[in-house]
Amino acid sequence: MMITLHTEKIVRVPDYALALKVRRLRLGFRQQEIADKLNISAMGLSYFETGKRIPKIDMLEKWANVLEAEVWIDIKELSPRLNP
């Protein structure tokens, strides 16, 4: 998914990051509220939501639980070299 920022640069934000941010916003949570529930800083949450950091599976599971969502991982999409 491509997103154009105000600087006119095109930045590729990972789908998981965008999905988690959109879910948070739809539920009406601020970053700090979710960060507190995950025991991380708001800056750390921001890094995950912008794709600057990749969360580990256990963090994704906690995050999904907080957002009342499910985690689905498509191995084929993550590593096309494994599926010739």
PDB file of N, CA and C in Angstrom:
ATOM      1  N   MET A   1       0.842  -1.165   0.000  1.00  0.00           N
ATOM      2  CA  MET A   1       0.000   0.000   0.000  1.00  0.00           C
ATOM      3  C   MET A   1       0.891   1.232   0.000  1.00  0.00           C
ATOM      4  N   MET A   2       0.636   2.167  -0.862  1.00  0.00           N
ATOM      5  CA  MET A   2       1.436   3.384  -0.946  1.00  0.00           C
ATOM      6  C   MET A   2       0.664   4.549  -0.342  1.00  0.00           C
ATOM      7  N   ILE A   3       1.379   5.363   0.396  1.00  0.00           N
ATOM      8  CA  ILE A   3       0.765   6.530   1.013  1.00  0.00           C
ATOM      9  C   ILE A   3       1.611   7.746   0.674  1.00  0.00           C
ATOM     10  N   THR A   4       0.985   8.814   0.224  1.00  0.00           N
ATOM     11  CA  THR A   4       1.699  10.047  -0.070  1.00  0.00           C
ATOM     12  C   THR A   4       1.633  10.956   1.146  1.00  0.00           C
ATOM     13  N   LEU A   5       2.786  11.400   1.592  1.00  0.00           N
ATOM     14  CA  LEU A   5       2.850  12.301   2.735  1.00  0.00           C
ATOM     15  C   LEU A   5       2.853  13.743   2.242  1.00  0.00           C
ATOM     16  N   HIS A   6       2.732  14.678   3.161  1.00  0.00           N
ATOM     17  CA  HIS A   6       2.699  16.097   2.801  1.00  0.00           C
ATOM     18  C   HIS A   6       3.991  16.562   2.126  1.00  0.00           C
ATOM     19  N   THR A   7       5.077  15.828   2.343  1.00  0.00           N
ATOM     20  CA  THR A   7       6.351  16.212   1.740  1.00  0.00           C
ATOM     21  C   THR A   7       6.433  15.796   0.283  1.00  0.00           C
ATOM     22  N   GLU A   8       5.377  15.145  -0.203  1.00  0.00           N
ATOM     23  CA  GLU A   8       5.309  14.640  -1.569  1.00  0.00           C
ATOM     24  C   GLU A   8       6.186  13.412  -1.778  1.00  0.00           C
ATOM     25  N   LYS A   9       6.811  12.906  -0.720  1.00  0.00           N
ATOM     26  CA  LYS A   9       7.553  11.657  -0.836  1.00  0.00           C
ATOM     27  C   LYS A   9       6.553  10.515  -0.758  1.00  0.00           C
ATOM     28  N   ILE A  10       6.858   9.436  -1.426  1.00  0.00           N
ATOM     29  CA  ILE A  10       6.000   8.258  -1.347  1.00  0.00           C
ATOM     30  C   ILE A  10       6.676   7.267  -0.410  1.00  0.00           C
ATOM     31  N   VAL A  11       5.943   6.856   0.610  1.00  0.00           N
ATOM     32  CA  VAL A  11       6.472   5.958   1.628  1.00  0.00           C
ATOM     33  C   VAL A  11       5.645   4.683   1.626  1.00  0.00           C
ATOM     34  N   ARG A  12       6.305   3.558   1.637  1.00  0.00           N
ATOM     35  CA  ARG A  12       5.592   2.277   1.691  1.00  0.00           C
ATOM     36  C   ARG A  12       5.411   1.896   3.156  1.00  0.00           C
ATOM     37  N   VAL A  13       4.180   1.873   3.594  1.00  0.00           N
ATOM     38  CA  VAL A  13       3.850   1.482   4.960  1.00  0.00           C
ATOM     39  C   VAL A  13       3.359   0.042   4.913  1.00  0.00           C
ATOM     40  N   PRO A  14       3.960  -0.841   5.725  1.00  0.00           N
ATOM     41  CA  PRO A  14       3.506  -2.239   5.717  1.00  0.00           C
ATOM     42  C   PRO A  14       2.014  -2.350   6.026  1.00  0.00           C
ATOM     43  N   ASP A  15       1.374  -3.324   5.397  1.00  0.00           N
ATOM     44  CA  ASP A  15      -0.067  -3.511   5.582  1.00  0.00           C
ATOM     45  C   ASP A  15      -0.453  -3.707   7.038  1.00  0.00           C
ATOM     46  N   TYR A  16       0.364  -4.470   7.795  1.00  0.00           N
ATOM     47  CA  TYR A  16       0.020  -4.703   9.198  1.00  0.00           C
ATOM     48  C   TYR A  16       0.002  -3.392   9.971  1.00  0.00           C
ATOM     49  N   ALA A  17       0.954  -2.506   9.678  1.00  0.00           N
ATOM     50  CA  ALA A  17       1.054  -1.240  10.395  1.00  0.00           C
ATOM     51  C   ALA A  17      -0.180  -0.372  10.137  1.00  0.00           C
ATOM     52  N   LEU A  18      -0.556  -0.284   8.886  1.00  0.00           N
ATOM     53  CA  LEU A  18      -1.727   0.511   8.531  1.00  0.00           C
ATOM     54  C   LEU A  18      -2.999  -0.093   9.121  1.00  0.00           C
ATOM     55  N   ALA A  19      -3.111  -1.415   9.061  1.00  0.00           N
ATOM     56  CA  ALA A  19      -4.303  -2.081   9.598  1.00  0.00           C
ATOM     57  C   ALA A  19      -4.444  -1.841  11.097  1.00  0.00           C
ATOM     58  N   LEU A  20      -3.337  -1.914  11.831  1.00  0.00           N
ATOM     59  CA  LEU A  20      -3.393  -1.701  13.278  1.00  0.00           C
ATOM     60  C   LEU A  20      -3.746  -0.254  13.613  1.00  0.00           C
ATOM     61  N   LYS A  21      -3.189   0.671  12.862  1.00  0.00           N
ATOM     62  CA  LYS A  21      -3.492   2.081  13.111  1.00  0.00           C
ATOM     63  C   LYS A  21      -4.957   2.383  12.809  1.00  0.00           C
ATOM     64  N   VAL A  22      -5.436   1.892  11.680  1.00  0.00           N
ATOM     65  CA  VAL A  22      -6.835   2.127  11.298  1.00  0.00           C
ATOM     66  C   VAL A  22      -7.777   1.538  12.343  1.00  0.00           C
ATOM     67  N   ARG A  23      -7.468   0.328  12.817  1.00  0.00           N
ATOM     68  CA  ARG A  23      -8.314  -0.309  13.839  1.00  0.00           C
ATOM     69  C   ARG A  23      -8.330   0.534  15.113  1.00  0.00           C
ATOM     70  N   ARG A  24      -7.156   1.016  15.527  1.00  0.00           N
ATOM     71  CA  ARG A  24      -7.070   1.860  16.731  1.00  0.00           C
ATOM     72  C   ARG A  24      -7.932   3.106  16.576  1.00  0.00           C
ATOM     73  N   LEU A  25      -7.822   3.753  15.427  1.00  0.00           N
ATOM     74  CA  LEU A  25      -8.581   4.979  15.190  1.00  0.00           C
ATOM     75  C   LEU A  25     -10.084   4.715  15.141  1.00  0.00           C
ATOM     76  N   ARG A  26     -10.478   3.614  14.518  1.00  0.00           N
ATOM     77  CA  ARG A  26     -11.908   3.275  14.449  1.00  0.00           C
ATOM     78  C   ARG A  26     -12.499   3.025  15.830  1.00  0.00           C
ATOM     79  N   LEU A  27     -11.678   2.476  16.730  1.00  0.00           N
ATOM     80  CA  LEU A  27     -12.148   2.232  18.092  1.00  0.00           C
ATOM     81  C   LEU A  27     -12.065   3.481  18.964  1.00  0.00           C
ATOM     82  N   GLY A  28     -11.461   4.538  18.440  1.00  0.00           N
ATOM     83  CA  GLY A  28     -11.396   5.805  19.153  1.00  0.00           C
ATOM     84  C   GLY A  28     -10.301   5.904  20.203  1.00  0.00           C
ATOM     85  N   PHE A  29      -9.259   5.083  20.075  1.00  0.00           N
ATOM     86  CA  PHE A  29      -8.157   5.121  21.037  1.00  0.00           C
ATOM     87  C   PHE A  29      -7.064   6.070  20.576  1.00  0.00           C
ATOM     88  N   ARG A  30      -6.425   6.725  21.542  1.00  0.00           N
ATOM     89  CA  ARG A  30      -5.213   7.500  21.273  1.00  0.00           C
ATOM     90  C   ARG A  30      -4.021   6.548  21.363  1.00  0.00           C
ATOM     91  N   GLN A  31      -2.913   6.927  20.761  1.00  0.00           N
ATOM     92  CA  GLN A  31      -1.721   6.081  20.813  1.00  0.00           C
ATOM     93  C   GLN A  31      -1.317   5.786  22.254  1.00  0.00           C
ATOM     94  N   GLN A  32      -1.360   6.786  23.112  1.00  0.00           N
ATOM     95  CA  GLN A  32      -0.926   6.598  24.499  1.00  0.00           C
ATOM     96  C   GLN A  32      -1.768   5.545  25.212  1.00  0.00           C
ATOM     97  N   GLU A  33      -3.070   5.513  24.925  1.00  0.00           N
ATOM     98  CA  GLU A  33      -3.945   4.530  25.567  1.00  0.00           C
ATOM     99  C   GLU A  33      -3.543   3.103  25.191  1.00  0.00           C
ATOM    100  N   ILE A  34      -3.285   2.883  23.909  1.00  0.00           N
ATOM    101  CA  ILE A  34      -2.882   1.547  23.459  1.00  0.00           C
ATOM    102  C   ILE A  34      -1.485   1.225  23.975  1.00  0.00           C
ATOM    103  N   ALA A  35      -0.590   2.192  23.923  1.00  0.00           N
ATOM    104  CA  ALA A  35       0.776   1.982  24.415  1.00  0.00           C
ATOM    105  C   ALA A  35       0.760   1.563  25.884  1.00  0.00           C
ATOM    106  N   ASP A  36      -0.067   2.212  26.684  1.00  0.00           N
ATOM    107  CA  ASP A  36      -0.168   1.858  28.104  1.00  0.00           C
ATOM    108  C   ASP A  36      -0.626   0.415  28.278  1.00  0.00           C
ATOM    109  N   LYS A  37      -1.585   0.000  27.481  1.00  0.00           N
ATOM    110  CA  LYS A  37      -2.099  -1.375  27.579  1.00  0.00           C
ATOM    111  C   LYS A  37      -1.060  -2.401  27.130  1.00  0.00           C
ATOM    112  N   LEU A  38      -0.157  -1.997  26.250  1.00  0.00           N
ATOM    113  CA  LEU A  38       0.886  -2.896  25.747  1.00  0.00           C
ATOM    114  C   LEU A  38       2.189  -2.780  26.541  1.00  0.00           C
ATOM    115  N   ASN A  39       2.213  -1.863  27.507  1.00  0.00           N
ATOM    116  CA  ASN A  39       3.415  -1.609  28.310  1.00  0.00           C
ATOM    117  C   ASN A  39       4.605  -1.178  27.455  1.00  0.00           C
ATOM    118  N   ILE A  40       4.318  -0.315  26.476  1.00  0.00           N
ATOM    119  CA  ILE A  40       5.377   0.274  25.661  1.00  0.00           C
ATOM    120  C   ILE A  40       5.154   1.785  25.628  1.00  0.00           C
ATOM    121  N   SER A  41       6.118   2.515  25.104  1.00  0.00           N
ATOM    122  CA  SER A  41       5.960   3.966  25.009  1.00  0.00           C
ATOM    123  C   SER A  41       5.079   4.326  23.812  1.00  0.00           C
ATOM    124  N   ALA A  42       4.518   5.523  23.850  1.00  0.00           N
ATOM    125  CA  ALA A  42       3.730   6.004  22.714  1.00  0.00           C
ATOM    126  C   ALA A  42       4.626   6.127  21.479  1.00  0.00           C
ATOM    127  N   MET A  43       5.890   6.483  21.692  1.00  0.00           N
ATOM    128  CA  MET A  43       6.834   6.577  20.573  1.00  0.00           C
ATOM    129  C   MET A  43       7.063   5.197  19.969  1.00  0.00           C
ATOM    130  N   GLY A  44       7.183   4.180  20.811  1.00  0.00           N
ATOM    131  CA  GLY A  44       7.345   2.810  20.315  1.00  0.00           C
ATOM    132  C   GLY A  44       6.152   2.388  19.478  1.00  0.00           C
ATOM    133  N   LEU A  45       4.959   2.722  19.953  1.00  0.00           N
ATOM    134  CA  LEU A  45       3.742   2.400  19.203  1.00  0.00           C
ATOM    135  C   LEU A  45       3.745   3.123  17.859  1.00  0.00           C
ATOM    136  N   SER A  46       4.170   4.371  17.876  1.00  0.00           N
ATOM    137  CA  SER A  46       4.248   5.148  16.643  1.00  0.00           C
ATOM    138  C   SER A  46       5.197   4.491  15.640  1.00  0.00           C
ATOM    139  N   TYR A  47       6.319   3.984  16.122  1.00  0.00           N
ATOM    140  CA  TYR A  47       7.269   3.300  15.238  1.00  0.00           C
ATOM    141  C   TYR A  47       6.640   2.070  14.601  1.00  0.00           C
ATOM    142  N   PHE A  48       5.842   1.323  15.373  1.00  0.00           N
ATOM    143  CA  PHE A  48       5.160   0.157  14.814  1.00  0.00           C
ATOM    144  C   PHE A  48       4.129   0.589  13.771  1.00  0.00           C
ATOM    145  N   GLU A  49       3.361   1.635  14.087  1.00  0.00           N
ATOM    146  CA  GLU A  49       2.289   2.073  13.184  1.00  0.00           C
ATOM    147  C   GLU A  49       2.802   2.685  11.884  1.00  0.00           C
ATOM    148  N   THR A  50       4.023   3.157  11.898  1.00  0.00           N
ATOM    149  CA  THR A  50       4.591   3.742  10.679  1.00  0.00           C
ATOM    150  C   THR A  50       5.512   2.778   9.947  1.00  0.00           C
ATOM    151  N   GLY A  51       5.679   1.573  10.502  1.00  0.00           N
ATOM    152  CA  GLY A  51       6.524   0.578   9.863  1.00  0.00           C
ATOM    153  C   GLY A  51       8.008   0.767  10.105  1.00  0.00           C
ATOM    154  N   LYS A  52       8.374   1.673  11.016  1.00  0.00           N
ATOM    155  CA  LYS A  52       9.789   1.881  11.326  1.00  0.00           C
ATOM    156  C   LYS A  52      10.352   0.736  12.158  1.00  0.00           C
ATOM    157  N   ARG A  53       9.475   0.048  12.866  1.00  0.00           N
ATOM    158  CA  ARG A  53       9.848  -1.145  13.626  1.00  0.00           C
ATOM    159  C   ARG A  53       8.865  -2.251  13.287  1.00  0.00           C
ATOM    160  N   ILE A  54       9.357  -3.472  13.323  1.00  0.00           N
ATOM    161  CA  ILE A  54       8.507  -4.630  13.053  1.00  0.00           C
ATOM    162  C   ILE A  54       8.232  -5.334  14.377  1.00  0.00           C
ATOM    163  N   PRO A  55       6.963  -5.455  14.754  1.00  0.00           N
ATOM    164  CA  PRO A  55       6.652  -6.119  16.026  1.00  0.00           C
ATOM    165  C   PRO A  55       6.858  -7.629  15.940  1.00  0.00           C
ATOM    166  N   LYS A  56       7.267  -8.211  17.055  1.00  0.00           N
ATOM    167  CA  LYS A  56       7.381  -9.671  17.136  1.00  0.00           C
ATOM    168  C   LYS A  56       5.973 -10.250  17.232  1.00  0.00           C
ATOM    169  N   ILE A  57       5.873 -11.544  16.987  1.00  0.00           N
ATOM    170  CA  ILE A  57       4.570 -12.212  16.986  1.00  0.00           C
ATOM    171  C   ILE A  57       3.842 -12.019  18.313  1.00  0.00           C
ATOM    172  N   ASP A  58       4.554 -12.147  19.434  1.00  0.00           N
ATOM    173  CA  ASP A  58       3.877 -12.006  20.726  1.00  0.00           C
ATOM    174  C   ASP A  58       3.317 -10.598  20.918  1.00  0.00           C
ATOM    175  N   MET A  59       4.016  -9.593  20.398  1.00  0.00           N
ATOM    176  CA  MET A  59       3.510  -8.221  20.483  1.00  0.00           C
ATOM    177  C   MET A  59       2.271  -8.072  19.605  1.00  0.00           C
ATOM    178  N   LEU A  60       2.290  -8.655  18.417  1.00  0.00           N
ATOM    179  CA  LEU A  60       1.113  -8.598  17.544  1.00  0.00           C
ATOM    180  C   LEU A  60      -0.093  -9.254  18.212  1.00  0.00           C
ATOM    181  N   GLU A  61       0.146 -10.366  18.910  1.00  0.00           N
ATOM    182  CA  GLU A  61      -0.951 -11.050  19.603  1.00  0.00           C
ATOM    183  C   GLU A  61      -1.527 -10.179  20.716  1.00  0.00           C
ATOM    184  N   LYS A  62      -0.654  -9.536  21.501  1.00  0.00           N
ATOM    185  CA  LYS A  62      -1.126  -8.631  22.563  1.00  0.00           C
ATOM    186  C   LYS A  62      -1.921  -7.476  21.956  1.00  0.00           C
ATOM    187  N   TRP A  63      -1.373  -6.921  20.887  1.00  0.00           N
ATOM    188  CA  TRP A  63      -1.993  -5.784  20.216  1.00  0.00           C
ATOM    189  C   TRP A  63      -3.367  -6.164  19.691  1.00  0.00           C
ATOM    190  N   ALA A  64      -3.443  -7.311  19.049  1.00  0.00           N
ATOM    191  CA  ALA A  64      -4.722  -7.782  18.518  1.00  0.00           C
ATOM    192  C   ALA A  64      -5.729  -7.984  19.643  1.00  0.00           C
ATOM    193  N   ASN A  65      -5.281  -8.508  20.767  1.00  0.00           N
ATOM    194  CA  ASN A  65      -6.160  -8.705  21.914  1.00  0.00           C
ATOM    195  C   ASN A  65      -6.710  -7.368  22.414  1.00  0.00           C
ATOM    196  N   VAL A  66      -5.846  -6.376  22.517  1.00  0.00           N
ATOM    197  CA  VAL A  66      -6.268  -5.042  22.970  1.00  0.00           C
ATOM    198  C   VAL A  66      -7.276  -4.433  21.994  1.00  0.00           C
ATOM    199  N   LEU A  67      -7.066  -4.662  20.695  1.00  0.00           N
ATOM    200  CA  LEU A  67      -7.933  -4.082  19.666  1.00  0.00           C
ATOM    201  C   LEU A  67      -9.096  -4.994  19.279  1.00  0.00           C
ATOM    202  N   GLU A  68      -9.240  -6.106  20.024  1.00  0.00           N
ATOM    203  CA  GLU A  68     -10.304  -7.075  19.747  1.00  0.00           C
ATOM    204  C   GLU A  68     -10.277  -7.497  18.278  1.00  0.00           C
ATOM    205  N   ALA A  69      -9.102  -7.932  17.847  1.00  0.00           N
ATOM    206  CA  ALA A  69      -8.888  -8.349  16.461  1.00  0.00           C
ATOM    207  C   ALA A  69      -8.163  -9.693  16.461  1.00  0.00           C
ATOM    208  N   GLU A  70      -7.897 -10.225  15.281  1.00  0.00           N
ATOM    209  CA  GLU A  70      -7.158 -11.472  15.129  1.00  0.00           C
ATOM    210  C   GLU A  70      -5.910 -11.216  14.302  1.00  0.00           C
ATOM    211  N   VAL A  71      -4.895 -12.032  14.530  1.00  0.00           N
ATOM    212  CA  VAL A  71      -3.668 -11.955  13.744  1.00  0.00           C
ATOM    213  C   VAL A  71      -3.659 -13.109  12.752  1.00  0.00           C
ATOM    214  N   TRP A  72      -3.539 -12.783  11.477  1.00  0.00           N
ATOM    215  CA  TRP A  72      -3.418 -13.783  10.412  1.00  0.00           C
ATOM    216  C   TRP A  72      -2.118 -13.492   9.685  1.00  0.00           C
ATOM    217  N   ILE A  73      -1.294 -14.508   9.520  1.00  0.00           N
ATOM    218  CA  ILE A  73      -0.012 -14.324   8.849  1.00  0.00           C
ATOM    219  C   ILE A  73       0.015 -15.191   7.601  1.00  0.00           C
ATOM    220  N   ASP A  74       0.246 -14.561   6.467  1.00  0.00           N
ATOM    221  CA  ASP A  74       0.326 -15.265   5.190  1.00  0.00           C
ATOM    222  C   ASP A  74       1.796 -15.516   4.878  1.00  0.00           C
ATOM    223  N   ILE A  75       2.246 -16.733   5.147  1.00  0.00           N
ATOM    224  CA  ILE A  75       3.648 -17.073   4.941  1.00  0.00           C
ATOM    225  C   ILE A  75       4.047 -16.914   3.474  1.00  0.00           C
ATOM    226  N   LYS A  76       3.161 -17.233   2.559  1.00  0.00           N
ATOM    227  CA  LYS A  76       3.469 -17.084   1.136  1.00  0.00           C
ATOM    228  C   LYS A  76       3.795 -15.641   0.803  1.00  0.00           C
ATOM    229  N   GLU A  77       3.030 -14.728   1.360  1.00  0.00           N
ATOM    230  CA  GLU A  77       3.253 -13.314   1.079  1.00  0.00           C
ATOM    231  C   GLU A  77       4.547 -12.828   1.722  1.00  0.00           C
ATOM    232  N   LEU A  78       4.864 -13.345   2.906  1.00  0.00           N
ATOM    233  CA  LEU A  78       6.062 -12.911   3.609  1.00  0.00           C
ATOM    234  C   LEU A  78       7.339 -13.402   2.942  1.00  0.00           C
ATOM    235  N   SER A  79       7.303 -14.591   2.390  1.00  0.00           N
ATOM    236  CA  SER A  79       8.510 -15.165   1.816  1.00  0.00           C
ATOM    237  C   SER A  79       8.207 -15.903   0.512  1.00  0.00           C
ATOM    238  N   PRO A  80       8.053 -15.182  -0.585  1.00  0.00           N
ATOM    239  CA  PRO A  80       7.719 -15.817  -1.857  1.00  0.00           C
ATOM    240  C   PRO A  80       8.796 -16.786  -2.333  1.00  0.00           C
ATOM    241  N   ARG A  81      10.034 -16.625  -1.867  1.00  0.00           N
ATOM    242  CA  ARG A  81      11.108 -17.528  -2.288  1.00  0.00           C
ATOM    243  C   ARG A  81      10.876 -18.949  -1.785  1.00  0.00           C
ATOM    244  N   LEU A  82      10.104 -19.110  -0.729  1.00  0.00           N
ATOM    245  CA  LEU A  82       9.830 -20.438  -0.192  1.00  0.00           C
ATOM    246  C   LEU A  82       8.780 -21.179  -1.006  1.00  0.00           C
ATOM    247  N   ASN A  83       8.091 -20.469  -1.870  1.00  0.00           N
ATOM    248  CA  ASN A  83       7.005 -21.050  -2.656  1.00  0.00           C
ATOM    249  C   ASN A  83       7.256 -20.851  -4.145  1.00  0.00           C
ATOM    250  N   PRO A  84       8.145 -21.654  -4.722  1.00  0.00           N
ATOM    251  CA  PRO A  84       8.488 -21.451  -6.146  1.00  0.00           C
ATOM    252  C   PRO A  84       7.320 -21.716  -7.068  1.00  0.00           C
TER     253      PRO A  84
END
